[in-house]
C-alpha atoms as a PDB file:
ATOM      1  CA  MET A   1      -0.005  -0.012   0.089  1.00  0.00           C
ATOM      2  CA  GLY A   2       1.284   3.406  -0.713  1.00  0.00           C
ATOM      3  CA  VAL A   3       1.258   6.530   1.305  1.00  0.00           C
ATOM      4  CA  THR A   4      -1.717   8.741   0.723  1.00  0.00           C
ATOM      5  CA  ALA A   5      -2.239  12.363   0.974  1.00  0.00           C
ATOM      6  CA  LYS A   6      -5.582  14.405   1.237  1.00  0.00           C
ATOM      7  CA  ILE A   7      -6.733  16.983  -1.335  1.00  0.00           C
ATOM      8  CA  PRO A   8      -9.707  19.353  -1.426  1.00  0.00           C
ATOM      9  CA  GLY A   9     -12.875  17.421  -1.477  1.00  0.00           C
ATOM     10  CA  GLY A  10     -11.666  14.521   0.591  1.00  0.00           C
ATOM     11  CA  ARG A  11     -10.037  12.762  -2.228  1.00  0.00           C
ATOM     12  CA  ARG A  12      -6.819  10.907  -1.615  1.00  0.00           C
ATOM     13  CA  LEU A  13      -3.722  10.804  -3.856  1.00  0.00           C
ATOM     14  CA  ARG A  14      -1.846   7.572  -3.771  1.00  0.00           C
ATOM     15  CA  ARG A  15       1.982   7.746  -3.224  1.00  0.00           C
ATOM     16  CA  GLY A  16       3.138   5.927  -6.285  1.00  0.00           C
ATOM     17  CA  ALA A  17       1.791   8.156  -8.894  1.00  0.00           C
ATOM     18  CA  ALA A  18       1.236  11.955  -9.249  1.00  0.00           C
ATOM     19  CA  LEU A  19       3.091  13.224  -6.404  1.00  0.00           C
ATOM     20  CA  SER A  20       5.709  11.993  -8.657  1.00  0.00           C
ATOM     21  CA  VAL A  21       8.741  13.754  -9.707  1.00  0.00           C
ATOM     22  CA  ALA A  22      10.941  12.703  -6.715  1.00  0.00           C
ATOM     23  CA  GLY A  23      12.107   9.048  -6.782  1.00  0.00           C
ATOM     24  CA  LEU A  24      12.486   9.417 -10.685  1.00  0.00           C
ATOM     25  CA  VAL A  25      16.259   8.934 -10.672  1.00  0.00           C
ATOM     26  CA  ALA A  26      17.550   5.443 -11.322  1.00  0.00           C
ATOM     27  CA  ALA A  27      19.937   3.693  -9.022  1.00  0.00           C
ATOM     28  CA  PRO A  28      23.601   4.526 -10.011  1.00  0.00           C
ATOM     29  CA  ALA A  29      24.335   2.728 -13.125  1.00  0.00           C
ATOM     30  CA  LEU A  30      27.443   0.505 -13.377  1.00  0.00           C
ATOM     31  CA  VAL A  31      30.289   1.248 -15.642  1.00  0.00           C
ATOM     32  CA  LEU A  32      30.624  -1.659 -18.015  1.00  0.00           C
ATOM     33  CA  GLY A  33      33.311  -4.050 -16.892  1.00  0.00           C
ATOM     34  CA  THR A  34      34.217  -2.235 -13.786  1.00  0.00           C
ATOM     35  CA  GLY A  35      31.331  -2.858 -11.226  1.00  0.00           C
ATOM     36  CA  THR A  36      31.580   0.779  -9.895  1.00  0.00           C
ATOM     37  CA  ALA A  37      29.151   3.602  -9.999  1.00  0.00           C
ATOM     38  CA  ALA A  38      29.513   5.862 -12.959  1.00  0.00           C
ATOM     39  CA  GLN A  39      31.251   9.125 -11.873  1.00  0.00           C
ATOM     40  CA  ALA A  40      33.273  11.247 -14.205  1.00  0.00           C
ATOM     41  CA  ALA A  41      33.133   8.617 -16.958  1.00  0.00           C
ATOM     42  CA  SER A  42      35.682   8.510 -19.806  1.00  0.00           C
ATOM     43  CA  CYS A  43      35.008   7.473 -23.297  1.00  0.00           C
ATOM     44  CA  THR A  44      34.783   3.855 -24.062  1.00  0.00           C
ATOM     45  CA  THR A  45      36.495   2.292 -26.971  1.00  0.00           C
ATOM     46  CA  SER A  46      34.091  -0.686 -27.138  1.00  0.00           C
ATOM     47  CA  THR A  47      31.674  -1.091 -29.941  1.00  0.00           C
ATOM     48  CA  GLY A  48      28.028  -1.308 -28.669  1.00  0.00           C
ATOM     49  CA  PRO A  49      25.335  -3.791 -29.862  1.00  0.00           C
ATOM     50  CA  HIS A  50      23.462  -0.777 -31.382  1.00  0.00           C
ATOM     51  CA  GLN A  51      26.412   0.939 -33.056  1.00  0.00           C
ATOM     52  CA  LYS A  52      25.078   1.331 -36.446  1.00  0.00           C
ATOM     53  CA  GLN A  53      21.686   2.480 -35.440  1.00  0.00           C
ATOM     54  CA  VAL A  54      23.237   4.966 -33.041  1.00  0.00           C
ATOM     55  CA  GLU A  55      25.705   6.248 -35.630  1.00  0.00           C
ATOM     56  CA  LYS A  56      22.763   6.705 -38.102  1.00  0.00           C
ATOM     57  CA  PHE A  57      20.662   8.661 -35.621  1.00  0.00           C
ATOM     58  CA  LEU A  58      23.508  10.871 -34.734  1.00  0.00           C
ATOM     59  CA  LYS A  59      24.502  11.376 -38.535  1.00  0.00           C
ATOM     60  CA  ARG A  60      27.839   9.812 -37.949  1.00  0.00           C
ATOM     61  CA  PRO A  61      29.624   7.616 -40.568  1.00  0.00           C
ATOM     62  CA  VAL A  62      27.764   4.316 -40.366  1.00  0.00           C
ATOM     63  CA  ASP A  63      30.554   1.690 -40.102  1.00  0.00           C
ATOM     64  CA  GLY A  64      29.546  -0.173 -36.964  1.00  0.00           C
ATOM     65  CA  LYS A  65      32.829   0.589 -35.283  1.00  0.00           C
ATOM     66  CA  GLN A  66      33.332   2.785 -32.354  1.00  0.00           C
ATOM     67  CA  SER A  67      35.623   5.719 -33.018  1.00  0.00           C
ATOM     68  CA  ALA A  68      36.628   8.628 -30.581  1.00  0.00           C
ATOM     69  CA  ALA A  69      34.252  10.940 -32.674  1.00  0.00           C
ATOM     70  CA  ASP A  70      31.444   8.451 -32.305  1.00  0.00           C
ATOM     71  CA  CYS A  71      32.019   8.152 -28.501  1.00  0.00           C
ATOM     72  CA  LYS A  72      32.028  11.962 -28.001  1.00  0.00           C
ATOM     73  CA  ALA A  73      28.769  12.236 -29.971  1.00  0.00           C
ATOM     74  CA  ILE A  74      27.162   9.529 -28.084  1.00  0.00           C
ATOM     75  CA  GLN A  75      28.376  11.024 -24.678  1.00  0.00           C
ATOM     76  CA  LYS A  76      26.890  14.249 -25.621  1.00  0.00           C
ATOM     77  CA  PHE A  77      23.530  12.690 -26.247  1.00  0.00           C
ATOM     78  CA  GLN A  78      23.737  10.720 -23.032  1.00  0.00           C
ATOM     79  CA  LYS A  79      24.579  13.820 -20.963  1.00  0.00           C
ATOM     80  CA  ALA A  80      21.747  15.801 -22.482  1.00  0.00           C
ATOM     81  CA  HIS A  81      19.168  13.166 -21.476  1.00  0.00           C
ATOM     82  CA  GLY A  82      20.507  11.799 -18.262  1.00  0.00           C
ATOM     83  CA  ILE A  83      21.477   8.473 -19.594  1.00  0.00           C
ATOM     84  CA  THR A  84      24.074   6.594 -17.414  1.00  0.00           C
ATOM     85  CA  PRO A  85      26.686   5.477 -17.527  1.00  0.00           C
ATOM     86  CA  THR A  86      27.759   8.390 -19.683  1.00  0.00           C
ATOM     87  CA  ILE A  87      30.585   6.596 -21.466  1.00  0.00           C
ATOM     88  CA  GLY A  88      29.635   6.944 -25.066  1.00  0.00           C
ATOM     89  CA  TYR A  89      28.603   3.289 -25.347  1.00  0.00           C
ATOM     90  CA  ALA A  90      25.912   2.467 -27.902  1.00  0.00           C
ATOM     91  CA  GLY A  91      23.840   0.232 -25.648  1.00  0.00           C
ATOM     92  CA  PRO A  92      20.188  -0.548 -25.474  1.00  0.00           C
ATOM     93  CA  LEU A  93      19.047   2.286 -23.269  1.00  0.00           C
ATOM     94  CA  THR A  94      20.657   4.810 -25.654  1.00  0.00           C
ATOM     95  CA  TRP A  95      19.212   3.275 -28.747  1.00  0.00           C
ATOM     96  CA  ARG A  96      15.756   2.764 -27.223  1.00  0.00           C
ATOM     97  CA  THR A  97      15.730   6.405 -26.429  1.00  0.00           C
ATOM     98  CA  MET A  98      16.716   7.347 -29.892  1.00  0.00           C
ATOM     99  CA  ASN A  99      14.139   4.858 -31.404  1.00  0.00           C
ATOM    100  CA  THR A 100      11.299   6.671 -29.412  1.00  0.00           C
ATOM    101  CA  MET A 101      12.390   9.973 -30.727  1.00  0.00           C
ATOM    102  CA  ASN A 102      12.276   8.362 -34.184  1.00  0.00           C
ATOM    103  CA  ALA A 103       8.806   7.253 -33.519  1.00  0.00           C
ATOM    104  CA  GLN A 104       7.813  10.768 -32.339  1.00  0.00           C
ATOM    105  CA  LYS A 105       9.196  12.483 -35.324  1.00  0.00           C
ATOM    106  CA  ALA A 106       7.312  10.010 -37.688  1.00  0.00           C
ATOM    107  CA  ALA A 107       3.987  10.845 -35.839  1.00  0.00           C
ATOM    108  CA  GLY A 108       4.239  14.343 -37.455  1.00  0.00           C
ATOM    109  CA  LYS A 109       1.025  16.320 -37.251  1.00  0.00           C
ATOM    110  CA  ASN A 110      -1.258  13.134 -37.522  1.00  0.00           C
ATOM    111  CA  PRO A 111      -0.475  11.308 -34.087  1.00  0.00           C
ATOM    112  CA  ASN A 112      -3.837   9.647 -34.163  1.00  0.00           C
ATOM    113  CA  LYS A 113      -3.621   8.173 -37.731  1.00  0.00           C
ATOM    114  CA  ALA A 114      -4.216   4.642 -36.282  1.00  0.00           C
ATOM    115  CA  GLY A 115      -7.431   5.953 -34.657  1.00  0.00           C
ATOM    116  CA  LYS A 116      -6.498   4.572 -31.126  1.00  0.00           C
ATOM    117  CA  CYS A 117      -7.583   7.635 -29.280  1.00  0.00           C
ATOM    118  CA  PRO A 118     -11.319   8.216 -29.284  1.00  0.00           C
ATOM    119  CA  THR A 119     -12.758  10.753 -31.571  1.00  0.00           C
ATOM    120  CA  ASN A 120     -16.316  10.815 -30.369  1.00  0.00           C
ATOM    121  CA  LYS A 121     -15.692  12.566 -27.074  1.00  0.00           C
ATOM    122  CA  GLY A 122     -15.122  16.198 -27.953  1.00  0.00           C
ATOM    123  CA  ARG A 123     -12.092  17.604 -26.329  1.00  0.00           C
ATOM    124  CA  ILE A 124      -9.663  14.914 -25.115  1.00  0.00           C
ATOM    125  CA  ALA A 125      -6.141  14.618 -24.073  1.00  0.00           C
ATOM    126  CA  CYS A 126      -4.474  11.482 -25.497  1.00  0.00           C
ATOM    127  CA  VAL A 127      -1.366   9.813 -24.073  1.00  0.00           C
ATOM    128  CA  ASP A 128       0.481   7.117 -26.156  1.00  0.00           C
ATOM    129  CA  LEU A 129       2.823   5.349 -23.880  1.00  0.00           C
ATOM    130  CA  THR A 130       4.487   3.417 -26.611  1.00  0.00           C
ATOM    131  CA  ARG A 131       5.650   6.547 -28.373  1.00  0.00           C
ATOM    132  CA  GLN A 132       5.770   8.701 -25.193  1.00  0.00           C
ATOM    133  CA  LEU A 133       3.646  11.267 -26.995  1.00  0.00           C
ATOM    134  CA  SER A 134       0.600  13.309 -25.872  1.00  0.00           C
ATOM    135  CA  TRP A 135      -1.734  15.728 -27.776  1.00  0.00           C
ATOM    136  CA  ILE A 136      -5.171  17.318 -27.415  1.00  0.00           C
ATOM    137  CA  GLN A 137      -7.889  16.937 -30.022  1.00  0.00           C
ATOM    138  CA  ASP A 138     -11.403  17.893 -30.559  1.00  0.00           C
ATOM    139  CA  GLY A 139     -13.075  15.059 -32.228  1.00  0.00           C
ATOM    140  CA  LYS A 140     -10.702  14.373 -35.194  1.00  0.00           C
ATOM    141  CA  LYS A 141      -9.151  17.942 -35.217  1.00  0.00           C
ATOM    142  CA  LEU A 142      -5.801  18.237 -33.588  1.00  0.00           C
ATOM    143  CA  LYS A 143      -5.791  21.166 -31.218  1.00  0.00           C
ATOM    144  CA  TYR A 144      -2.183  20.994 -29.620  1.00  0.00           C
ATOM    145  CA  GLY A 145       0.820  18.837 -30.035  1.00  0.00           C
ATOM    146  CA  PRO A 146       1.790  16.044 -30.446  1.00  0.00           C
ATOM    147  CA  VAL A 147       4.506  16.775 -27.731  1.00  0.00           C
ATOM    148  CA  PRO A 148       6.970  14.358 -25.878  1.00  0.00           C
ATOM    149  CA  VAL A 149       6.110  13.207 -22.459  1.00  0.00           C
ATOM    150  CA  ARG A 150       7.780  11.287 -19.781  1.00  0.00           C
ATOM    151  CA  THR A 151       5.500   8.562 -18.148  1.00  0.00           C
ATOM    152  CA  GLY A 152       5.725   6.004 -15.396  1.00  0.00           C
ATOM    153  CA  ARG A 153       8.799   3.924 -14.814  1.00  0.00           C
ATOM    154  CA  ASP A 154       8.826   0.088 -14.589  1.00  0.00           C
ATOM    155  CA  GLY A 155       6.745  -0.811 -11.568  1.00  0.00           C
ATOM    156  CA  ALA A 156       5.103   2.605 -11.334  1.00  0.00           C
ATOM    157  CA  GLU A 157       3.424   2.591 -14.870  1.00  0.00           C
ATOM    158  CA  THR A 158       0.975   5.260 -16.038  1.00  0.00           C
ATOM    159  CA  ARG A 159      -2.266   3.487 -15.862  1.00  0.00           C
ATOM    160  CA  THR A 160      -4.150   2.839 -19.193  1.00  0.00           C
ATOM    161  CA  GLY A 161      -7.719   3.427 -20.106  1.00  0.00           C
ATOM    162  CA  ALA A 162     -10.414   6.143 -20.175  1.00  0.00           C
ATOM    163  CA  LYS A 163     -10.015   8.870 -17.432  1.00  0.00           C
ATOM    164  CA  LYS A 164     -11.356  12.364 -16.756  1.00  0.00           C
ATOM    165  CA  ILE A 165      -9.602  15.333 -15.156  1.00  0.00           C
ATOM    166  CA  TYR A 166     -11.039  15.770 -11.719  1.00  0.00           C
ATOM    167  CA  TRP A 167      -8.779  18.244  -9.937  1.00  0.00           C
ATOM    168  CA  ARG A 168      -6.337  20.885 -10.960  1.00  0.00           C
ATOM    169  CA  ASN A 169      -3.698  22.901  -9.081  1.00  0.00           C
ATOM    170  CA  ILE A 170      -1.580  25.446 -10.787  1.00  0.00           C
ATOM    171  CA  ASN A 171       1.323  25.347  -8.390  1.00  0.00           C
ATOM    172  CA  HIS A 172       0.841  22.051  -6.607  1.00  0.00           C
ATOM    173  CA  TRP A 173       3.263  21.039  -3.982  1.00  0.00           C
ATOM    174  CA  SER A 174       3.830  17.368  -3.160  1.00  0.00           C
ATOM    175  CA  THR A 175       3.881  16.810   0.699  1.00  0.00           C
ATOM    176  CA  ILE A 176       5.218  13.334   0.085  1.00  0.00           C
ATOM    177  CA  TYR A 177       8.134  14.092  -2.216  1.00  0.00           C
ATOM    178  CA  LYS A 178       8.670  17.809  -1.218  1.00  0.00           C
ATOM    179  CA  VAL A 179       8.723  19.066  -4.755  1.00  0.00           C
ATOM    180  CA  ARG A 180       6.673  21.460  -6.934  1.00  0.00           C
ATOM    181  CA  MET A 181       4.347  20.059  -9.606  1.00  0.00           C
ATOM    182  CA  PRO A 182       3.401  23.142 -11.726  1.00  0.00           C
ATOM    183  CA  HIS A 183       0.179  23.031 -13.788  1.00  0.00           C
ATOM    184  CA  ALA A 184      -0.819  19.825 -12.148  1.00  0.00           C
ATOM    185  CA  GLN A 185      -4.052  18.200 -13.613  1.00  0.00           C
ATOM    186  CA  PHE A 186      -5.104  14.976 -11.992  1.00  0.00           C
ATOM    187  CA  PHE A 187      -6.891  12.373 -14.032  1.00  0.00           C
ATOM    188  CA  ASP A 188      -6.522   8.986 -12.216  1.00  0.00           C
ATOM    189  CA  GLY A 189      -6.045   8.945  -8.460  1.00  0.00           C
ATOM    190  CA  GLY A 190      -2.570  10.408  -7.920  1.00  0.00           C
ATOM    191  CA  GLN A 191      -1.475  10.485 -11.707  1.00  0.00           C
ATOM    192  CA  ALA A 192      -1.427  13.850 -13.250  1.00  0.00           C
ATOM    193  CA  PHE A 193      -0.210  16.012 -16.135  1.00  0.00           C
ATOM    194  CA  HIS A 194       2.433  18.394 -14.730  1.00  0.00           C
ATOM    195  CA  SER A 195       5.727  20.101 -15.695  1.00  0.00           C
ATOM    196  CA  VAL A 196       9.235  19.059 -14.756  1.00  0.00           C
ATOM    197  CA  THR A 197      12.540  20.794 -15.702  1.00  0.00           C
ATOM    198  CA  LYS A 198      14.447  17.544 -16.723  1.00  0.00           C
ATOM    199  CA  SER A 199      14.661  16.015 -20.191  1.00  0.00           C
ATOM    200  CA  MET A 200      11.526  14.106 -21.305  1.00  0.00           C
ATOM    201  CA  TYR A 201      13.903  11.070 -21.959  1.00  0.00           C
ATOM    202  CA  ASN A 202      15.457  11.058 -18.684  1.00  0.00           C
ATOM    203  CA  PRO A 203      15.385   7.371 -17.449  1.00  0.00           C
ATOM    204  CA  PRO A 204      13.743   5.476 -15.910  1.00  0.00           C
ATOM    205  CA  GLY A 205      10.649   7.646 -16.040  1.00  0.00           C
ATOM    206  CA  SER A 206       8.118   9.162 -13.516  1.00  0.00           C
ATOM    207  CA  GLY A 207       6.374   7.759 -10.481  1.00  0.00           C
ATOM    208  CA  GLY A 208       3.272   7.453 -12.728  1.00  0.00           C
ATOM    209  CA  CYS A 209       2.540  11.047 -13.800  1.00  0.00           C
ATOM    210  CA  VAL A 210       2.669  12.241 -17.260  1.00  0.00           C
ATOM    211  CA  ASN A 211       5.641  14.637 -17.085  1.00  0.00           C
ATOM    212  CA  MET A 212       5.724  17.523 -19.563  1.00  0.00           C
ATOM    213  CA  ARG A 213       7.899  20.372 -20.612  1.00  0.00           C
ATOM    214  CA  PRO A 214       6.938  23.576 -18.954  1.00  0.00           C
ATOM    215  CA  ALA A 215       5.485  25.362 -21.908  1.00  0.00           C
ATOM    216  CA  ASP A 216       3.467  22.174 -22.922  1.00  0.00           C
ATOM    217  CA  ALA A 217       2.090  21.701 -19.357  1.00  0.00           C
ATOM    218  CA  LYS A 218       1.009  25.356 -19.434  1.00  0.00           C
ATOM    219  CA  ALA A 219      -0.623  24.939 -22.784  1.00  0.00           C
ATOM    220  CA  TYR A 220      -2.609  21.905 -21.397  1.00  0.00           C
ATOM    221  CA  TRP A 221      -3.533  23.966 -18.332  1.00  0.00           C
ATOM    222  CA  ASN A 222      -5.147  26.540 -20.654  1.00  0.00           C
ATOM    223  CA  LEU A 223      -6.846  24.123 -23.060  1.00  0.00           C
ATOM    224  CA  LEU A 224      -8.279  21.585 -20.554  1.00  0.00           C
ATOM    225  CA  LYS A 225     -10.621  21.886 -17.505  1.00  0.00           C
ATOM    226  CA  ASN A 226     -12.296  19.641 -14.940  1.00  0.00           C
ATOM    227  CA  GLY A 227     -14.345  16.942 -16.499  1.00  0.00           C
ATOM    228  CA  ASP A 228     -12.456  16.753 -19.808  1.00  0.00           C
ATOM    229  CA  ASP A 229     -11.580  13.305 -21.031  1.00  0.00           C
ATOM    230  CA  VAL A 230      -8.078  11.827 -21.037  1.00  0.00           C
ATOM    231  CA  TYR A 231      -7.358   8.494 -22.770  1.00  0.00           C
ATOM    232  CA  VAL A 232      -4.071   6.606 -22.107  1.00  0.00           C
ATOM    233  CA  TYR A 233      -3.038   3.577 -24.187  1.00  0.00           C
ATOM    234  CA  GLY A 234       0.099   1.543 -25.282  1.00  0.00           C
ATOM    235  CA  ARG A 235       3.035   0.463 -23.261  1.00  0.00           C
ATOM    236  CA  LYS A 236       6.129   2.443 -22.414  1.00  0.00           C
ATOM    237  CA  PRO A 237       9.420   0.825 -23.853  1.00  0.00           C
ATOM    238  CA  GLY A 238      11.349  -0.772 -21.069  1.00  0.00           C
ATOM    239  CA  THR A 239       8.199  -1.441 -18.753  1.00  0.00           C
END
């Protein structure tokens, strides 16, 4: 059972979810072959299992062999998104992050092409866990997005299904995690849309909330209201 916190109206928020930005940092990753926590990691000379895919994503020469320039480019990407160990290794997590970005880019301005988010409910916020994307639509008309989001980590997944926004707090403070959750809009127990300042690709994910960039969370705040529909579907890579 998780710890709960009261909100206006007598509702209770479960600990594992929306009061969610703390506890998001993974345990220290291990530097490959050393068994020690990654500190000021140096570049690795090892070729990773996803070397060619990572080289292609970074617009490097695609030869499937690690070079000093490859390592620096991979390291830069890892540092930007909080991927550890930051040693420039083309491993599964680095490639999975890039692959998610590719899927987001492919969505373009038609994220609901497959018709998985309902189009018969008027205004609705859609959350695709598989592509880590969210958008707002009115019927079939796209109103905002799609934008990248950061959803629940393994063991604290954002719950799927049809929801409704039931409580909003523009400058919510988590009494459990002692952090601010700006533009919080709760839609399922303790799970909410809200802004964070870290990368949307920072592993392993949130505590169940749908984390957003500040500008996107503010836009959602202005476009949505209590009673509006939310639909969550798919499965986050790595969960």
